[in-house]
Amino acid sequence: MNQPRPLAPSRFVRGTPAAAGGGRDRDRLVEKSRAAIAEGSASFTTASRLFDRTTREQVWMLYAWCRRCDDLADNQDMGGDLGEQKDIEDRVQAIRVLTRRALERQPTADFAFDALGQVASETGITKDMADDVIGGFAMDAGGFDAKGERDMLRYCYHVAGAVGVMMARVMRAPDDSFVYDRACDLGIAFQLANIARDIAQDGAAGRNYLPEQWLEDAGLTAENYLEPENRFALAAVSARLVDLMETYEASARLGAARLRFRQRWAVLAAARIYGAIGRKVRDRGQLAWDSRTRIGKPGKLRHLLAAFGEALVNRPRPPHTWPEYTRGELQPIKGW
């Protein structure tokens, strides 16, 4: 039986040549990434300006990938309202495929994934690092439900602690497990602040990241914690989140002490700004979800100046209590 002839002889068929950033112009990737972070996170934009130019550009490109993955998984635009979630498994699989292509230096037709390919080629970000982040989106797709504190922290590791590890690589942090553990702690601290701030918004979208045990301790359930009459009890749960955030925030400062000055200053500024968000949620109590908690420009400037002095002195105090779980105990999730 005759075999069908190929449309073109194989000697004329060539694979797509591998190139950092999928072959895109680096300056263009940087500019689009800068626009993405400016729109997606005012707090992180402020802190990122403290890095040297190369690190700043690489941070922007990594952020662009994180923001795009988050938007794809949640079917939203720049962190806005969650869209329809019925096809989330397919979207997470698309994230995996595009990320793999980007890390293989292949074009993806999406600037944020090409930006990841560019920054990975420059800093040595690995597929395992990216997979740990994608694991957080897979947890949402699988119907994540936190039974206890460790479950919640495991989720925080995947969606933010693992990003902290990638950021440490971008900042050329010392190749030391202690430093990378503290970078992970900072990411977890950020995520705990986010959870506290967004309890009502997440709940309205059908997502709850609060441990069932914590709700039970406060006399609440997953079904009634958002009821207006339960706001006082919910504020106590939120305060518990912020207390835990402060433990991870204090631990992270010890890792920042081993970074170069400008990297240290940027990290400490981000820690102060996100920490202030968490503490403001705690201070607002049951009114915390009547409007989105923000830190205004004057407040951010004060935190930038305070972080400068802290980075200059560089004598962080050890936390009163160390985080209960190590990075190794929180990674990775298998089967999500």
Protein backbone atom coordinates (compact mmCIF):
# COMPACT_ATOMS: atom_id res chain seq x y z
CA MET A 1 0.00 0.00 0.00
CA ASN A 2 1.37 3.36 -0.99
CA GLN A 3 2.16 5.71 1.88
CA PRO A 4 0.86 9.30 1.54
CA ARG A 5 3.57 11.67 0.49
CA PRO A 6 4.42 14.58 2.82
CA LEU A 7 3.42 18.03 1.65
CA ALA A 8 7.09 18.99 1.65
CA PRO A 9 10.26 16.94 1.74
CA SER A 10 11.51 16.55 5.32
CA ARG A 11 14.78 18.27 4.46
CA PHE A 12 12.76 21.50 3.98
CA VAL A 13 10.82 21.21 7.27
CA ARG A 14 12.57 22.86 10.18
CA GLY A 15 11.56 23.19 13.81
CA THR A 16 11.05 26.57 15.41
CA PRO A 17 14.46 27.84 16.48
CA ALA A 18 14.84 28.21 20.24
CA ALA A 19 15.37 31.75 21.45
CA ALA A 20 15.04 33.50 24.79
CA GLY A 21 11.64 35.14 25.13
CA GLY A 22 10.33 33.18 22.17
CA GLY A 23 12.39 35.42 19.93
CA ARG A 24 10.61 38.61 20.99
CA ASP A 25 12.45 41.89 21.46
CA ARG A 26 13.56 42.09 25.10
CA ASP A 27 12.91 45.82 25.44
CA ARG A 28 9.36 45.29 24.24
CA LEU A 29 8.82 42.48 26.75
CA VAL A 30 10.12 44.72 29.53
CA GLU A 31 7.84 47.59 28.54
CA LYS A 32 4.73 45.42 28.39
CA SER A 33 5.67 43.84 31.71
CA ARG A 34 6.15 47.28 33.28
CA ALA A 35 2.65 48.24 32.13
CA ALA A 36 1.24 44.99 33.54
CA ILE A 37 2.69 45.52 37.02
CA ALA A 38 1.67 49.19 37.05
CA GLU A 39 -1.93 48.16 36.39
CA GLY A 40 -1.96 45.01 38.50
CA SER A 41 -0.20 45.99 41.74
CA ALA A 42 0.47 49.52 42.92
CA SER A 43 2.20 48.25 46.06
CA PHE A 44 4.60 45.96 44.24
CA THR A 45 5.26 48.61 41.60
CA THR A 46 6.43 50.99 44.32
CA ALA A 47 8.82 48.47 45.84
CA SER A 48 10.16 47.27 42.47
CA ARG A 49 11.50 50.72 41.62
CA LEU A 50 14.14 50.31 44.31
CA PHE A 51 15.94 47.50 42.46
CA ASP A 52 18.84 48.12 40.11
CA ARG A 53 17.72 48.32 36.48
CA THR A 54 18.47 44.72 35.49
CA THR A 55 16.80 43.22 38.54
CA ARG A 56 13.86 45.61 38.22
CA GLU A 57 13.23 44.57 34.62
CA GLN A 58 13.48 40.88 35.48
CA VAL A 59 11.11 41.31 38.43
CA TRP A 60 8.62 42.99 36.11
CA MET A 61 8.83 40.13 33.62
CA LEU A 62 8.35 37.52 36.33
CA TYR A 63 5.41 39.46 37.73
CA ALA A 64 3.82 39.61 34.26
CA TRP A 65 3.85 35.81 34.08
CA CYS A 66 2.41 35.45 37.60
CA ARG A 67 -0.33 38.00 36.85
CA ARG A 68 -1.21 36.37 33.52
CA CYS A 69 -1.38 32.89 35.07
CA ASP A 70 -3.61 34.19 37.83
CA ASP A 71 -5.92 35.90 35.34
CA LEU A 72 -6.10 32.83 33.12
CA ALA A 73 -6.83 30.49 36.03
CA ASP A 74 -9.47 32.77 37.54
CA ASN A 75 -10.91 33.92 34.20
CA GLN A 76 -10.43 37.54 35.18
CA ASP A 77 -8.63 40.65 33.99
CA MET A 78 -5.81 42.13 36.08
CA GLY A 79 -7.13 40.72 39.33
CA GLY A 80 -10.69 41.92 38.81
CA ASP A 81 -13.87 39.98 39.49
CA LEU A 82 -13.69 36.23 39.00
CA GLY A 83 -15.26 34.96 35.81
CA GLU A 84 -17.00 31.68 35.03
CA GLN A 85 -15.06 28.82 36.63
CA LYS A 86 -16.46 25.75 34.90
CA ASP A 87 -13.46 25.29 32.56
CA ILE A 88 -10.75 26.03 35.12
CA GLU A 89 -9.05 22.62 34.65
CA ASP A 90 -8.56 23.36 30.95
CA ARG A 91 -7.16 26.80 31.72
CA VAL A 92 -4.67 25.38 34.22
CA GLN A 93 -3.55 22.85 31.62
CA ALA A 94 -3.06 25.70 29.14
CA ILE A 95 -0.88 27.45 31.72
CA ARG A 96 1.25 24.32 32.04
CA VAL A 97 1.66 23.96 28.28
CA LEU A 98 2.51 27.62 27.67
CA THR A 99 4.93 27.68 30.61
CA ARG A 100 6.73 24.59 29.34
CA ARG A 101 7.07 26.11 25.87
CA ALA A 102 8.38 29.36 27.35
CA LEU A 103 11.02 27.54 29.39
CA GLU A 104 12.00 25.56 26.28
CA ARG A 105 12.68 28.94 24.60
CA GLN A 106 9.80 28.50 22.17
CA PRO A 107 7.33 31.26 21.18
CA THR A 108 3.97 31.16 22.98
CA ALA A 109 1.98 33.94 21.29
CA ASP A 110 1.47 35.45 24.76
CA PHE A 111 3.87 38.16 25.87
CA ALA A 112 3.69 37.24 29.59
CA PHE A 113 4.79 33.65 28.98
CA ASP A 114 7.49 34.85 26.59
CA ALA A 115 8.58 37.24 29.37
CA LEU A 116 8.97 34.24 31.68
CA GLY A 117 11.11 32.54 29.04
CA GLN A 118 13.29 35.64 28.83
CA VAL A 119 13.82 36.04 32.58
CA ALA A 120 14.35 32.30 33.04
CA SER A 121 17.10 32.32 30.41
CA GLU A 122 18.80 35.18 32.25
CA THR A 123 18.46 33.94 35.83
CA GLY A 124 18.16 30.16 35.75
CA ILE A 125 14.55 29.88 36.94
CA THR A 126 13.65 26.20 36.57
CA LYS A 127 10.58 24.25 35.52
CA ASP A 128 10.26 22.82 39.03
CA MET A 129 10.04 26.35 40.42
CA ALA A 130 7.33 27.26 37.93
CA ASP A 131 5.47 24.00 38.52
CA ASP A 132 5.24 24.74 42.23
CA VAL A 133 3.49 28.04 41.44
CA ILE A 134 1.14 26.39 38.95
CA GLY A 135 0.30 23.89 41.69
CA GLY A 136 -1.64 26.66 43.45
CA PHE A 137 -3.89 27.17 40.44
CA ALA A 138 -4.37 23.42 40.25
CA MET A 139 -5.47 23.43 43.89
CA ASP A 140 -8.19 25.96 43.06
CA ALA A 141 -9.20 23.87 40.06
CA GLY A 142 -9.45 20.80 42.28
CA GLY A 143 -11.81 22.49 44.72
CA PHE A 144 -9.31 23.37 47.45
CA ASP A 145 -10.70 23.21 50.96
CA ALA A 146 -8.56 24.05 54.01
CA LYS A 147 -9.34 21.73 56.90
CA GLY A 148 -6.61 23.14 59.13
CA GLU A 149 -3.85 25.74 59.27
CA ARG A 150 -1.32 23.57 57.44
CA ASP A 151 -3.68 23.17 54.47
CA MET A 152 -4.02 26.94 54.21
CA LEU A 153 -0.27 27.44 54.47
CA ARG A 154 0.35 24.80 51.82
CA TYR A 155 -1.88 26.78 49.49
CA CYS A 156 -0.04 29.98 50.45
CA TYR A 157 3.24 28.27 49.61
CA HIS A 158 2.13 27.36 46.10
CA VAL A 159 0.56 30.69 45.14
CA ALA A 160 3.06 33.00 46.84
CA GLY A 161 5.86 31.29 48.75
CA ALA A 162 7.02 29.58 45.57
CA VAL A 163 6.98 32.97 43.84
CA GLY A 164 9.25 34.24 46.62
CA VAL A 165 11.69 31.45 45.76
CA MET A 166 11.68 32.53 42.10
CA MET A 167 12.19 36.15 43.15
CA ALA A 168 15.21 35.09 45.20
CA ARG A 169 16.70 33.57 42.07
CA VAL A 170 16.02 36.78 40.14
CA MET A 171 17.73 38.81 42.88
CA ARG A 172 20.82 36.57 42.72
CA ALA A 173 20.36 35.67 46.37
CA PRO A 174 23.11 33.53 47.89
CA ASP A 175 22.64 29.87 46.99
CA ASP A 176 21.70 29.03 50.54
CA SER A 177 18.62 27.11 51.67
CA PHE A 178 18.17 29.47 54.63
CA VAL A 179 17.86 32.49 52.32
CA TYR A 180 15.46 30.70 49.98
CA ASP A 181 13.37 29.54 52.96
CA ARG A 182 13.08 33.13 54.15
CA ALA A 183 12.11 34.28 50.64
CA CYS A 184 9.37 31.68 50.77
CA ASP A 185 8.29 33.00 54.18
CA LEU A 186 7.91 36.50 52.75
CA GLY A 187 5.68 35.25 49.95
CA ILE A 188 3.53 33.39 52.47
CA ALA A 189 3.28 36.56 54.58
CA PHE A 190 2.06 38.48 51.52
CA GLN A 191 -0.57 35.85 50.77
CA LEU A 192 -1.86 35.79 54.34
CA ALA A 193 -2.34 39.57 54.11
CA ASN A 194 -4.17 39.09 50.80
CA ILE A 195 -6.46 36.44 52.26
CA ALA A 196 -7.33 38.69 55.21
CA ARG A 197 -8.04 41.65 52.94
CA ASP A 198 -10.09 39.69 50.39
CA ILE A 199 -12.18 37.39 52.61
CA ALA A 200 -15.49 38.87 51.47
CA GLN A 201 -14.49 39.20 47.80
CA ASP A 202 -13.25 35.61 47.65
CA GLY A 203 -16.30 34.33 49.50
CA ALA A 204 -18.64 36.07 47.07
CA ALA A 205 -16.87 34.17 44.27
CA GLY A 206 -17.31 30.86 46.06
CA ARG A 207 -13.77 30.58 47.39
CA ASN A 208 -12.83 30.24 51.03
CA TYR A 209 -9.20 29.94 52.15
CA LEU A 210 -9.91 30.08 55.89
CA PRO A 211 -9.24 26.83 57.78
CA GLU A 212 -12.41 25.08 58.86
CA GLN A 213 -10.85 24.57 62.29
CA TRP A 214 -10.32 28.31 62.68
CA LEU A 215 -13.93 29.01 61.75
CA GLU A 216 -15.11 26.39 64.19
CA ASP A 217 -12.97 27.94 66.93
CA ALA A 218 -14.79 31.24 66.31
CA GLY A 219 -18.23 29.60 66.31
CA LEU A 220 -18.58 29.91 62.54
CA THR A 221 -18.99 27.55 59.61
CA ALA A 222 -18.10 27.64 55.94
CA GLU A 223 -21.77 28.29 55.26
CA ASN A 224 -22.36 31.28 57.57
CA TYR A 225 -19.04 33.10 58.09
CA LEU A 226 -19.98 35.81 55.57
CA GLU A 227 -23.34 36.62 57.16
CA PRO A 228 -23.48 40.27 58.35
CA GLU A 229 -24.32 39.24 61.91
CA ASN A 230 -21.07 37.23 62.04
CA ARG A 231 -18.72 40.07 61.11
CA PHE A 232 -17.42 40.48 64.66
CA ALA A 233 -16.45 36.79 64.90
CA LEU A 234 -15.00 36.90 61.39
CA ALA A 235 -12.83 39.86 62.40
CA ALA A 236 -11.30 37.66 65.10
CA VAL A 237 -10.45 35.02 62.47
CA SER A 238 -8.95 37.72 60.26
CA ALA A 239 -6.84 39.02 63.17
CA ARG A 240 -5.52 35.50 63.63
CA LEU A 241 -4.45 35.52 59.98
CA VAL A 242 -2.58 38.79 60.44
CA ASP A 243 -0.88 37.53 63.60
CA LEU A 244 0.38 34.55 61.59
CA MET A 245 1.43 36.91 58.79
CA GLU A 246 3.63 38.80 61.25
CA THR A 247 5.42 35.59 62.22
CA TYR A 248 6.35 34.94 58.58
CA GLU A 249 7.17 38.61 58.00
CA ALA A 250 9.66 38.64 60.90
CA SER A 251 11.28 35.43 59.70
CA ALA A 252 11.65 36.79 56.17
CA ARG A 253 13.65 39.80 57.39
CA LEU A 254 16.52 37.50 58.36
CA GLY A 255 16.83 36.37 54.75
CA ALA A 256 16.69 39.92 53.44
CA ALA A 257 19.73 40.70 55.60
CA ARG A 258 21.86 38.56 53.26
CA LEU A 259 20.88 40.38 50.08
CA ARG A 260 22.71 43.27 48.43
CA PHE A 261 21.63 46.70 49.65
CA ARG A 262 19.18 47.67 46.88
CA GLN A 263 17.59 44.22 46.83
CA ARG A 264 17.34 44.32 50.63
CA TRP A 265 15.77 47.77 50.55
CA ALA A 266 13.16 46.69 47.97
CA VAL A 267 12.29 43.51 49.85
CA LEU A 268 11.94 45.32 53.17
CA ALA A 269 9.81 48.02 51.54
CA ALA A 270 7.48 45.40 50.10
CA ALA A 271 7.33 43.63 53.47
CA ARG A 272 6.43 46.87 55.22
CA ILE A 273 3.74 47.82 52.70
CA TYR A 274 2.05 44.41 52.62
CA GLY A 275 2.43 44.09 56.38
CA ALA A 276 0.72 47.46 56.77
CA ILE A 277 -2.19 46.22 54.65
CA GLY A 278 -2.63 43.23 56.93
CA ARG A 279 -2.40 45.31 60.09
CA LYS A 280 -4.87 47.84 58.72
CA VAL A 281 -7.34 44.99 58.04
CA ARG A 282 -6.89 43.87 61.65
CA ASP A 283 -7.34 47.41 62.97
CA ARG A 284 -10.54 47.94 60.95
CA GLY A 285 -12.11 44.93 62.60
CA GLN A 286 -15.59 44.10 61.40
CA LEU A 287 -15.52 47.08 59.01
CA ALA A 288 -12.53 45.67 57.08
CA TRP A 289 -14.62 44.42 54.17
CA ASP A 290 -16.93 47.41 53.72
CA SER A 291 -14.32 48.75 51.28
CA ARG A 292 -10.98 47.51 49.97
CA THR A 293 -8.13 48.12 52.38
CA ARG A 294 -5.36 50.19 50.79
CA ILE A 295 -2.20 52.03 51.76
CA GLY A 296 -2.11 55.50 50.22
CA LYS A 297 0.89 57.18 48.60
CA PRO A 298 1.96 59.08 51.76
CA GLY A 299 1.90 55.81 53.70
CA LYS A 300 3.93 54.03 51.04
CA LEU A 301 6.51 56.82 51.09
CA ARG A 302 6.87 56.48 54.86
CA HIS A 303 7.41 52.74 54.47
CA LEU A 304 10.01 53.31 51.74
CA LEU A 305 11.96 55.66 54.00
CA ALA A 306 11.67 53.34 56.99
CA ALA A 307 12.82 50.41 54.86
CA PHE A 308 15.84 52.45 53.72
CA GLY A 309 16.94 52.94 57.33
CA GLU A 310 16.27 49.31 58.15
CA ALA A 311 18.28 48.13 55.14
CA LEU A 312 21.13 50.47 56.05
CA VAL A 313 21.40 49.28 59.66
CA ASN A 314 20.72 45.66 58.63
CA ARG A 315 20.30 44.17 62.07
CA PRO A 316 17.00 42.28 61.99
CA ARG A 317 15.78 40.70 65.19
CA PRO A 318 14.93 36.99 65.17
CA PRO A 319 11.17 36.35 65.38
CA HIS A 320 9.68 35.63 68.78
CA THR A 321 8.15 32.52 67.22
CA TRP A 322 9.43 30.76 64.11
CA PRO A 323 6.97 29.53 61.47
CA GLU A 324 5.72 26.10 62.45
CA TYR A 325 6.15 24.55 59.00
CA THR A 326 9.25 24.61 56.84
CA ARG A 327 9.27 25.08 53.10
CA GLY A 328 10.05 21.40 52.67
CA GLU A 329 6.96 20.47 54.69
CA LEU A 330 4.72 22.58 52.46
CA GLN A 331 6.00 21.54 49.03
CA PRO A 332 4.96 20.10 46.69
CA ILE A 333 1.35 19.05 46.40
CA LYS A 334 1.02 15.75 44.57
CA GLY A 335 -2.14 14.94 42.71
CA TRP A 336 -3.56 18.43 42.44
